[in-house]
Amino acid sequence: MATFVVLMNWTDKGIETFEESPSRADAGREEMAKLGVTMKDIYWTVGPYDVVLLCDAPDPETMASALLRLGAAGNVRTTTLRAFTREEFDRVAERAR
């Protein structure tokens, strides 16, 4: 499984109903799971992003599909980062030599 950090900002629609964010997160977790994506953690944050997710997905295409579904609801926009564990990074660094 690949790990992804998803940085989220509320849209105008999303901020207008911010109090529904926890229930939307639950629904999003269920929808992502249907595609094989596991939402490991969610954090509501202060700063340039409103919400941060940590997710595992079998591949980038699956993660992209889940985020397209999430974004289509109109409450958030996302920026996604592929994250590497120490062991994964060790393999990446070895290949770069």
PDB file of N, CA and C in Angstrom:
ATOM      1  N   MET A   1       0.840  -1.186   0.000  1.00  0.00           N
ATOM      2  CA  MET A   1       0.000   0.000   0.000  1.00  0.00           C
ATOM      3  C   MET A   1       0.882   1.245   0.000  1.00  0.00           C
ATOM      4  N   ALA A   2       0.453   2.229  -0.722  1.00  0.00           N
ATOM      5  CA  ALA A   2       1.138   3.518  -0.763  1.00  0.00           C
ATOM      6  C   ALA A   2       0.451   4.475   0.212  1.00  0.00           C
ATOM      7  N   THR A   3       1.245   5.319   0.859  1.00  0.00           N
ATOM      8  CA  THR A   3       0.711   6.297   1.804  1.00  0.00           C
ATOM      9  C   THR A   3       0.656   7.659   1.134  1.00  0.00           C
ATOM     10  N   PHE A   4      -0.426   8.397   1.414  1.00  0.00           N
ATOM     11  CA  PHE A   4      -0.622   9.725   0.849  1.00  0.00           C
ATOM     12  C   PHE A   4      -1.013  10.698   1.951  1.00  0.00           C
ATOM     13  N   VAL A   5      -0.493  11.915   1.853  1.00  0.00           N
ATOM     14  CA  VAL A   5      -0.905  13.025   2.708  1.00  0.00           C
ATOM     15  C   VAL A   5      -1.803  13.893   1.838  1.00  0.00           C
ATOM     16  N   VAL A   6      -3.019  14.122   2.296  1.00  0.00           N
ATOM     17  CA  VAL A   6      -3.972  14.918   1.533  1.00  0.00           C
ATOM     18  C   VAL A   6      -4.223  16.210   2.303  1.00  0.00           C
ATOM     19  N   LEU A   7      -3.868  17.333   1.687  1.00  0.00           N
ATOM     20  CA  LEU A   7      -4.075  18.657   2.266  1.00  0.00           C
ATOM     21  C   LEU A   7      -5.357  19.213   1.666  1.00  0.00           C
ATOM     22  N   MET A   8      -6.270  19.631   2.534  1.00  0.00           N
ATOM     23  CA  MET A   8      -7.584  20.037   2.056  1.00  0.00           C
ATOM     24  C   MET A   8      -7.922  21.460   2.468  1.00  0.00           C
ATOM     25  N   ASN A   9      -8.589  22.149   1.566  1.00  0.00           N
ATOM     26  CA  ASN A   9      -9.174  23.459   1.863  1.00  0.00           C
ATOM     27  C   ASN A   9     -10.652  23.404   1.568  1.00  0.00           C
ATOM     28  N   TRP A  10     -11.430  24.008   2.476  1.00  0.00           N
ATOM     29  CA  TRP A  10     -12.855  24.087   2.249  1.00  0.00           C
ATOM     30  C   TRP A  10     -13.152  25.036   1.100  1.00  0.00           C
ATOM     31  N   THR A  11     -14.130  24.696   0.309  1.00  0.00           N
ATOM     32  CA  THR A  11     -14.663  25.609  -0.694  1.00  0.00           C
ATOM     33  C   THR A  11     -15.633  26.545   0.027  1.00  0.00           C
ATOM     34  N   ASP A  12     -16.198  27.499  -0.695  1.00  0.00           N
ATOM     35  CA  ASP A  12     -17.229  28.354  -0.087  1.00  0.00           C
ATOM     36  C   ASP A  12     -18.371  27.496   0.454  1.00  0.00           C
ATOM     37  N   LYS A  13     -18.765  26.499  -0.308  1.00  0.00           N
ATOM     38  CA  LYS A  13     -19.832  25.591   0.129  1.00  0.00           C
ATOM     39  C   LYS A  13     -19.425  24.853   1.408  1.00  0.00           C
ATOM     40  N   GLY A  14     -18.181  24.381   1.462  1.00  0.00           N
ATOM     41  CA  GLY A  14     -17.712  23.621   2.613  1.00  0.00           C
ATOM     42  C   GLY A  14     -17.627  24.441   3.879  1.00  0.00           C
ATOM     43  N   ILE A  15     -17.167  25.699   3.786  1.00  0.00           N
ATOM     44  CA  ILE A  15     -17.040  26.537   4.973  1.00  0.00           C
ATOM     45  C   ILE A  15     -18.405  26.970   5.483  1.00  0.00           C
ATOM     46  N   GLU A  16     -19.371  27.136   4.584  1.00  0.00           N
ATOM     47  CA  GLU A  16     -20.717  27.529   5.015  1.00  0.00           C
ATOM     48  C   GLU A  16     -21.354  26.475   5.918  1.00  0.00           C
ATOM     49  N   THR A  17     -20.936  25.232   5.759  1.00  0.00           N
ATOM     50  CA  THR A  17     -21.497  24.127   6.548  1.00  0.00           C
ATOM     51  C   THR A  17     -20.384  23.391   7.303  1.00  0.00           C
ATOM     52  N   PHE A  18     -19.434  24.159   7.840  1.00  0.00           N
ATOM     53  CA  PHE A  18     -18.279  23.558   8.525  1.00  0.00           C
ATOM     54  C   PHE A  18     -18.684  22.607   9.643  1.00  0.00           C
ATOM     55  N   GLU A  19     -19.817  22.900  10.304  1.00  0.00           N
ATOM     56  CA  GLU A  19     -20.238  22.051  11.423  1.00  0.00           C
ATOM     57  C   GLU A  19     -20.597  20.633  10.968  1.00  0.00           C
ATOM     58  N   GLU A  20     -20.827  20.451   9.678  1.00  0.00           N
ATOM     59  CA  GLU A  20     -21.107  19.126   9.130  1.00  0.00           C
ATOM     60  C   GLU A  20     -19.837  18.370   8.745  1.00  0.00           C
ATOM     61  N   SER A  21     -18.690  19.004   8.909  1.00  0.00           N
ATOM     62  CA  SER A  21     -17.432  18.401   8.486  1.00  0.00           C
ATOM     63  C   SER A  21     -17.170  17.029   9.117  1.00  0.00           C
ATOM     64  N   PRO A  22     -17.395  16.839  10.414  1.00  0.00           N
ATOM     65  CA  PRO A  22     -17.158  15.499  10.978  1.00  0.00           C
ATOM     66  C   PRO A  22     -18.031  14.410  10.341  1.00  0.00           C
ATOM     67  N   SER A  23     -19.303  14.702  10.102  1.00  0.00           N
ATOM     68  CA  SER A  23     -20.159  13.685   9.473  1.00  0.00           C
ATOM     69  C   SER A  23     -19.769  13.491   8.008  1.00  0.00           C
ATOM     70  N   ARG A  24     -19.327  14.557   7.332  1.00  0.00           N
ATOM     71  CA  ARG A  24     -18.836  14.398   5.953  1.00  0.00           C
ATOM     72  C   ARG A  24     -17.574  13.546   5.940  1.00  0.00           C
ATOM     73  N   ALA A  25     -16.729  13.700   6.961  1.00  0.00           N
ATOM     74  CA  ALA A  25     -15.513  12.891   7.059  1.00  0.00           C
ATOM     75  C   ALA A  25     -15.870  11.412   7.208  1.00  0.00           C
ATOM     76  N   ASP A  26     -16.867  11.111   8.025  1.00  0.00           N
ATOM     77  CA  ASP A  26     -17.303   9.719   8.187  1.00  0.00           C
ATOM     78  C   ASP A  26     -17.801   9.143   6.872  1.00  0.00           C
ATOM     79  N   ALA A  27     -18.614   9.930   6.168  1.00  0.00           N
ATOM     80  CA  ALA A  27     -19.131   9.480   4.875  1.00  0.00           C
ATOM     81  C   ALA A  27     -17.996   9.318   3.864  1.00  0.00           C
ATOM     82  N   GLY A  28     -17.041  10.246   3.882  1.00  0.00           N
ATOM     83  CA  GLY A  28     -15.898  10.155   2.986  1.00  0.00           C
ATOM     84  C   GLY A  28     -15.054   8.924   3.256  1.00  0.00           C
ATOM     85  N   ARG A  29     -14.869   8.601   4.532  1.00  0.00           N
ATOM     86  CA  ARG A  29     -14.108   7.407   4.912  1.00  0.00           C
ATOM     87  C   ARG A  29     -14.771   6.155   4.323  1.00  0.00           C
ATOM     88  N   GLU A  30     -16.096   6.084   4.422  1.00  0.00           N
ATOM     89  CA  GLU A  30     -16.826   4.941   3.889  1.00  0.00           C
ATOM     90  C   GLU A  30     -16.717   4.856   2.373  1.00  0.00           C
ATOM     91  N   GLU A  31     -16.856   5.988   1.698  1.00  0.00           N
ATOM     92  CA  GLU A  31     -16.758   6.002   0.234  1.00  0.00           C
ATOM     93  C   GLU A  31     -15.356   5.615  -0.226  1.00  0.00           C
ATOM     94  N   MET A  32     -14.342   6.127   0.449  1.00  0.00           N
ATOM     95  CA  MET A  32     -12.969   5.793   0.081  1.00  0.00           C
ATOM     96  C   MET A  32     -12.711   4.304   0.283  1.00  0.00           C
ATOM     97  N   ALA A  33     -13.246   3.751   1.365  1.00  0.00           N
ATOM     98  CA  ALA A  33     -13.054   2.330   1.650  1.00  0.00           C
ATOM     99  C   ALA A  33     -13.629   1.455   0.538  1.00  0.00           C
ATOM    100  N   LYS A  34     -14.733   1.889  -0.064  1.00  0.00           N
ATOM    101  CA  LYS A  34     -15.335   1.134  -1.165  1.00  0.00           C
ATOM    102  C   LYS A  34     -14.382   0.996  -2.339  1.00  0.00           C
ATOM    103  N   LEU A  35     -13.461   1.960  -2.474  1.00  0.00           N
ATOM    104  CA  LEU A  35     -12.478   1.932  -3.559  1.00  0.00           C
ATOM    105  C   LEU A  35     -11.159   1.294  -3.135  1.00  0.00           C
ATOM    106  N   GLY A  36     -11.059   0.905  -1.871  1.00  0.00           N
ATOM    107  CA  GLY A  36      -9.818   0.281  -1.393  1.00  0.00           C
ATOM    108  C   GLY A  36      -8.853   1.241  -0.731  1.00  0.00           C
ATOM    109  N   VAL A  37      -9.316   2.455  -0.409  1.00  0.00           N
ATOM    110  CA  VAL A  37      -8.484   3.457   0.252  1.00  0.00           C
ATOM    111  C   VAL A  37      -8.835   3.477   1.737  1.00  0.00           C
ATOM    112  N   THR A  38      -7.808   3.458   2.572  1.00  0.00           N
ATOM    113  CA  THR A  38      -7.996   3.528   4.014  1.00  0.00           C
ATOM    114  C   THR A  38      -7.618   4.914   4.502  1.00  0.00           C
ATOM    115  N   MET A  39      -8.567   5.615   5.118  1.00  0.00           N
ATOM    116  CA  MET A  39      -8.265   6.892   5.755  1.00  0.00           C
ATOM    117  C   MET A  39      -7.741   6.560   7.153  1.00  0.00           C
ATOM    118  N   LYS A  40      -6.439   6.712   7.336  1.00  0.00           N
ATOM    119  CA  LYS A  40      -5.822   6.344   8.616  1.00  0.00           C
ATOM    120  C   LYS A  40      -6.061   7.394   9.687  1.00  0.00           C
ATOM    121  N   ASP A  41      -5.928   8.650   9.335  1.00  0.00           N
ATOM    122  CA  ASP A  41      -6.094   9.744  10.286  1.00  0.00           C
ATOM    123  C   ASP A  41      -6.682  10.949   9.574  1.00  0.00           C
ATOM    124  N   ILE A  42      -7.376  11.759  10.342  1.00  0.00           N
ATOM    125  CA  ILE A  42      -7.877  13.040   9.847  1.00  0.00           C
ATOM    126  C   ILE A  42      -7.638  14.071  10.932  1.00  0.00           C
ATOM    127  N   TYR A  43      -7.193  15.254  10.506  1.00  0.00           N
ATOM    128  CA  TYR A  43      -6.924  16.361  11.428  1.00  0.00           C
ATOM    129  C   TYR A  43      -7.537  17.632  10.863  1.00  0.00           C
ATOM    130  N   TRP A  44      -8.274  18.344  11.688  1.00  0.00           N
ATOM    131  CA  TRP A  44      -8.746  19.680  11.338  1.00  0.00           C
ATOM    132  C   TRP A  44      -7.650  20.613  11.816  1.00  0.00           C
ATOM    133  N   THR A  45      -7.193  21.516  10.958  1.00  0.00           N
ATOM    134  CA  THR A  45      -5.975  22.269  11.242  1.00  0.00           C
ATOM    135  C   THR A  45      -6.205  23.780  11.152  1.00  0.00           C
ATOM    136  N   VAL A  46      -5.249  24.499  11.702  1.00  0.00           N
ATOM    137  CA  VAL A  46      -5.200  25.951  11.627  1.00  0.00           C
ATOM    138  C   VAL A  46      -3.988  26.295  10.776  1.00  0.00           C
ATOM    139  N   GLY A  47      -4.142  27.199   9.852  1.00  0.00           N
ATOM    140  CA  GLY A  47      -3.039  27.568   8.965  1.00  0.00           C
ATOM    141  C   GLY A  47      -3.506  27.546   7.531  1.00  0.00           C
ATOM    142  N   PRO A  48      -2.600  27.256   6.604  1.00  0.00           N
ATOM    143  CA  PRO A  48      -2.965  27.342   5.183  1.00  0.00           C
ATOM    144  C   PRO A  48      -3.916  26.237   4.715  1.00  0.00           C
ATOM    145  N   TYR A  49      -4.073  25.173   5.496  1.00  0.00           N
ATOM    146  CA  TYR A  49      -4.991  24.084   5.136  1.00  0.00           C
ATOM    147  C   TYR A  49      -6.005  23.902   6.251  1.00  0.00           C
ATOM    148  N   ASP A  50      -7.213  23.498   5.875  1.00  0.00           N
ATOM    149  CA  ASP A  50      -8.293  23.320   6.839  1.00  0.00           C
ATOM    150  C   ASP A  50      -8.352  21.907   7.413  1.00  0.00           C
ATOM    151  N   VAL A  51      -7.976  20.934   6.599  1.00  0.00           N
ATOM    152  CA  VAL A  51      -8.042  19.526   7.005  1.00  0.00           C
ATOM    153  C   VAL A  51      -6.852  18.800   6.382  1.00  0.00           C
ATOM    154  N   VAL A  52      -6.301  17.838   7.119  1.00  0.00           N
ATOM    155  CA  VAL A  52      -5.220  16.997   6.616  1.00  0.00           C
ATOM    156  C   VAL A  52      -5.615  15.538   6.822  1.00  0.00           C
ATOM    157  N   LEU A  53      -5.495  14.748   5.776  1.00  0.00           N
ATOM    158  CA  LEU A  53      -5.761  13.308   5.849  1.00  0.00           C
ATOM    159  C   LEU A  53      -4.474  12.535   5.656  1.00  0.00           C
ATOM    160  N   LEU A  54      -4.372  11.402   6.298  1.00  0.00           N
ATOM    161  CA  LEU A  54      -3.338  10.410   6.017  1.00  0.00           C
ATOM    162  C   LEU A  54      -4.066   9.177   5.520  1.00  0.00           C
ATOM    163  N   CYS A  55      -3.740   8.737   4.301  1.00  0.00           N
ATOM    164  CA  CYS A  55      -4.464   7.637   3.667  1.00  0.00           C
ATOM    165  C   CYS A  55      -3.496   6.606   3.104  1.00  0.00           C
ATOM    166  N   ASP A  56      -3.966   5.373   3.045  1.00  0.00           N
ATOM    167  CA  ASP A  56      -3.261   4.305   2.345  1.00  0.00           C
ATOM    168  C   ASP A  56      -4.121   3.875   1.172  1.00  0.00           C
ATOM    169  N   ALA A  57      -3.479   3.686   0.024  1.00  0.00           N
ATOM    170  CA  ALA A  57      -4.170   3.234  -1.181  1.00  0.00           C
ATOM    171  C   ALA A  57      -3.276   2.234  -1.904  1.00  0.00           C
ATOM    172  N   PRO A  58      -3.885   1.321  -2.651  1.00  0.00           N
ATOM    173  CA  PRO A  58      -3.072   0.331  -3.355  1.00  0.00           C
ATOM    174  C   PRO A  58      -2.166   0.937  -4.424  1.00  0.00           C
ATOM    175  N   ASP A  59      -2.566   2.090  -4.982  1.00  0.00           N
ATOM    176  CA  ASP A  59      -1.769   2.729  -6.036  1.00  0.00           C
ATOM    177  C   ASP A  59      -2.269   4.159  -6.224  1.00  0.00           C
ATOM    178  N   PRO A  60      -1.491   4.989  -6.927  1.00  0.00           N
ATOM    179  CA  PRO A  60      -1.894   6.385  -7.133  1.00  0.00           C
ATOM    180  C   PRO A  60      -3.214   6.538  -7.890  1.00  0.00           C
ATOM    181  N   GLU A  61      -3.497   5.643  -8.807  1.00  0.00           N
ATOM    182  CA  GLU A  61      -4.732   5.742  -9.573  1.00  0.00           C
ATOM    183  C   GLU A  61      -5.953   5.571  -8.676  1.00  0.00           C
ATOM    184  N   THR A  62      -5.879   4.639  -7.746  1.00  0.00           N
ATOM    185  CA  THR A  62      -6.983   4.424  -6.814  1.00  0.00           C
ATOM    186  C   THR A  62      -7.166   5.643  -5.925  1.00  0.00           C
ATOM    187  N   MET A  63      -6.065   6.206  -5.456  1.00  0.00           N
ATOM    188  CA  MET A  63      -6.145   7.404  -4.616  1.00  0.00           C
ATOM    189  C   MET A  63      -6.766   8.547  -5.400  1.00  0.00           C
ATOM    190  N   ALA A  64      -6.349   8.718  -6.641  1.00  0.00           N
ATOM    191  CA  ALA A  64      -6.900   9.787  -7.482  1.00  0.00           C
ATOM    192  C   ALA A  64      -8.400   9.607  -7.684  1.00  0.00           C
ATOM    193  N   SER A  65      -8.843   8.390  -7.900  1.00  0.00           N
ATOM    194  CA  SER A  65     -10.275   8.124  -8.068  1.00  0.00           C
ATOM    195  C   SER A  65     -11.053   8.504  -6.816  1.00  0.00           C
ATOM    196  N   ALA A  66     -10.524   8.135  -5.656  1.00  0.00           N
ATOM    197  CA  ALA A  66     -11.193   8.461  -4.398  1.00  0.00           C
ATOM    198  C   ALA A  66     -11.271   9.970  -4.203  1.00  0.00           C
ATOM    199  N   LEU A  67     -10.203  10.672  -4.534  1.00  0.00           N
ATOM    200  CA  LEU A  67     -10.195  12.126  -4.357  1.00  0.00           C
ATOM    201  C   LEU A  67     -11.097  12.831  -5.363  1.00  0.00           C
ATOM    202  N   LEU A  68     -11.228  12.276  -6.544  1.00  0.00           N
ATOM    203  CA  LEU A  68     -12.167  12.842  -7.508  1.00  0.00           C
ATOM    204  C   LEU A  68     -13.592  12.740  -6.985  1.00  0.00           C
ATOM    205  N   ARG A  69     -13.933  11.603  -6.407  1.00  0.00           N
ATOM    206  CA  ARG A  69     -15.270  11.446  -5.809  1.00  0.00           C
ATOM    207  C   ARG A  69     -15.474  12.433  -4.672  1.00  0.00           C
ATOM    208  N   LEU A  70     -14.451  12.549  -3.834  1.00  0.00           N
ATOM    209  CA  LEU A  70     -14.529  13.457  -2.688  1.00  0.00           C
ATOM    210  C   LEU A  70     -14.703  14.903  -3.164  1.00  0.00           C
ATOM    211  N   GLY A  71     -13.900  15.314  -4.122  1.00  0.00           N
ATOM    212  CA  GLY A  71     -13.968  16.673  -4.636  1.00  0.00           C
ATOM    213  C   GLY A  71     -15.259  16.978  -5.356  1.00  0.00           C
ATOM    214  N   ALA A  72     -15.842  15.966  -5.980  1.00  0.00           N
ATOM    215  CA  ALA A  72     -17.087  16.167  -6.728  1.00  0.00           C
ATOM    216  C   ALA A  72     -18.241  16.573  -5.824  1.00  0.00           C
ATOM    217  N   ALA A  73     -18.143  16.294  -4.533  1.00  0.00           N
ATOM    218  CA  ALA A  73     -19.196  16.701  -3.599  1.00  0.00           C
ATOM    219  C   ALA A  73     -19.215  18.217  -3.410  1.00  0.00           C
ATOM    220  N   GLY A  74     -18.093  18.877  -3.742  1.00  0.00           N
ATOM    221  CA  GLY A  74     -18.058  20.329  -3.749  1.00  0.00           C
ATOM    222  C   GLY A  74     -17.682  21.016  -2.442  1.00  0.00           C
ATOM    223  N   ASN A  75     -17.278  20.256  -1.434  1.00  0.00           N
ATOM    224  CA  ASN A  75     -16.954  20.863  -0.143  1.00  0.00           C
ATOM    225  C   ASN A  75     -15.474  21.162   0.062  1.00  0.00           C
ATOM    226  N   VAL A  76     -14.607  20.481  -0.676  1.00  0.00           N
ATOM    227  CA  VAL A  76     -13.164  20.659  -0.484  1.00  0.00           C
ATOM    228  C   VAL A  76     -12.422  20.629  -1.814  1.00  0.00           C
ATOM    229  N   ARG A  77     -11.233  21.220  -1.776  1.00  0.00           N
ATOM    230  CA  ARG A  77     -10.241  21.082  -2.840  1.00  0.00           C
ATOM    231  C   ARG A  77      -9.029  20.433  -2.188  1.00  0.00           C
ATOM    232  N   THR A  78      -8.335  19.601  -2.941  1.00  0.00           N
ATOM    233  CA  THR A  78      -7.238  18.843  -2.344  1.00  0.00           C
ATOM    234  C   THR A  78      -5.911  19.069  -3.052  1.00  0.00           C
ATOM    235  N   THR A  79      -4.848  18.909  -2.274  1.00  0.00           N
ATOM    236  CA  THR A  79      -3.480  18.815  -2.764  1.00  0.00           C
ATOM    237  C   THR A  79      -2.930  17.543  -2.142  1.00  0.00           C
ATOM    238  N   THR A  80      -2.354  16.671  -2.954  1.00  0.00           N
ATOM    239  CA  THR A  80      -1.977  15.353  -2.457  1.00  0.00           C
ATOM    240  C   THR A  80      -0.480  15.115  -2.613  1.00  0.00           C
ATOM    241  N   LEU A  81       0.103  14.513  -1.587  1.00  0.00           N
ATOM    242  CA  LEU A  81       1.522  14.190  -1.561  1.00  0.00           C
ATOM    243  C   LEU A  81       1.692  12.696  -1.353  1.00  0.00           C
ATOM    244  N   ARG A  82       2.568  12.079  -2.102  1.00  0.00           N
ATOM    245  CA  ARG A  82       2.921  10.679  -1.859  1.00  0.00           C
ATOM    246  C   ARG A  82       3.950  10.679  -0.740  1.00  0.00           C
ATOM    247  N   ALA A  83       3.696   9.922   0.301  1.00  0.00           N
ATOM    248  CA  ALA A  83       4.604   9.846   1.447  1.00  0.00           C
ATOM    249  C   ALA A  83       5.292   8.486   1.455  1.00  0.00           C
ATOM    250  N   PHE A  84       6.562   8.478   1.864  1.00  0.00           N
ATOM    251  CA  PHE A  84       7.336   7.247   1.916  1.00  0.00           C
ATOM    252  C   PHE A  84       7.733   6.933   3.353  1.00  0.00           C
ATOM    253  N   THR A  85       7.580   5.681   3.744  1.00  0.00           N
ATOM    254  CA  THR A  85       8.085   5.248   5.046  1.00  0.00           C
ATOM    255  C   THR A  85       9.611   5.200   4.981  1.00  0.00           C
ATOM    256  N   ARG A  86      10.230   5.017   6.108  1.00  0.00           N
ATOM    257  CA  ARG A  86      11.693   4.912   6.146  1.00  0.00           C
ATOM    258  C   ARG A  86      12.176   3.781   5.244  1.00  0.00           C
ATOM    259  N   GLU A  87      11.523   2.632   5.334  1.00  0.00           N
ATOM    260  CA  GLU A  87      11.931   1.478   4.531  1.00  0.00           C
ATOM    261  C   GLU A  87      11.743   1.744   3.037  1.00  0.00           C
ATOM    262  N   GLU A  88      10.636   2.367   2.685  1.00  0.00           N
ATOM    263  CA  GLU A  88      10.410   2.706   1.280  1.00  0.00           C
ATOM    264  C   GLU A  88      11.454   3.691   0.781  1.00  0.00           C
ATOM    265  N   PHE A  89      11.761   4.689   1.596  1.00  0.00           N
ATOM    266  CA  PHE A  89      12.754   5.673   1.172  1.00  0.00           C
ATOM    267  C   PHE A  89      14.132   5.029   1.035  1.00  0.00           C
ATOM    268  N   ASP A  90      14.464   4.107   1.918  1.00  0.00           N
ATOM    269  CA  ASP A  90      15.742   3.396   1.787  1.00  0.00           C
ATOM    270  C   ASP A  90      15.836   2.707   0.430  1.00  0.00           C
ATOM    271  N   ARG A  91      14.754   2.080  -0.022  1.00  0.00           N
ATOM    272  CA  ARG A  91      14.756   1.424  -1.332  1.00  0.00           C
ATOM    273  C   ARG A  91      14.874   2.445  -2.461  1.00  0.00           C
ATOM    274  N   VAL A  92      14.180   3.565  -2.328  1.00  0.00           N
ATOM    275  CA  VAL A  92      14.262   4.626  -3.337  1.00  0.00           C
ATOM    276  C   VAL A  92      15.692   5.149  -3.420  1.00  0.00           C
ATOM    277  N   ALA A  93      16.293   5.431  -2.274  1.00  0.00           N
ATOM    278  CA  ALA A  93      17.666   5.956  -2.254  1.00  0.00           C
ATOM    279  C   ALA A  93      18.656   4.954  -2.838  1.00  0.00           C
ATOM    280  N   GLU A  94      18.447   3.689  -2.560  1.00  0.00           N
ATOM    281  CA  GLU A  94      19.346   2.660  -3.098  1.00  0.00           C
ATOM    282  C   GLU A  94      19.270   2.636  -4.617  1.00  0.00           C
ATOM    283  N   ARG A  95      18.100   2.781  -5.170  1.00  0.00           N
ATOM    284  CA  ARG A  95      17.949   2.767  -6.623  1.00  0.00           C
ATOM    285  C   ARG A  95      18.583   4.003  -7.260  1.00  0.00           C
ATOM    286  N   ALA A  96      18.674   5.087  -6.514  1.00  0.00           N
ATOM    287  CA  ALA A  96      19.236   6.334  -7.044  1.00  0.00           C
ATOM    288  C   ALA A  96      20.754   6.323  -7.107  1.00  0.00           C
ATOM    289  N   ARG A  97      21.366   5.374  -6.461  1.00  0.00           N
ATOM    290  CA  ARG A  97      22.841   5.323  -6.445  1.00  0.00           C
ATOM    291  C   ARG A  97      23.408   4.822  -7.730  1.00  0.00           C
TER     292      ARG A  97
END
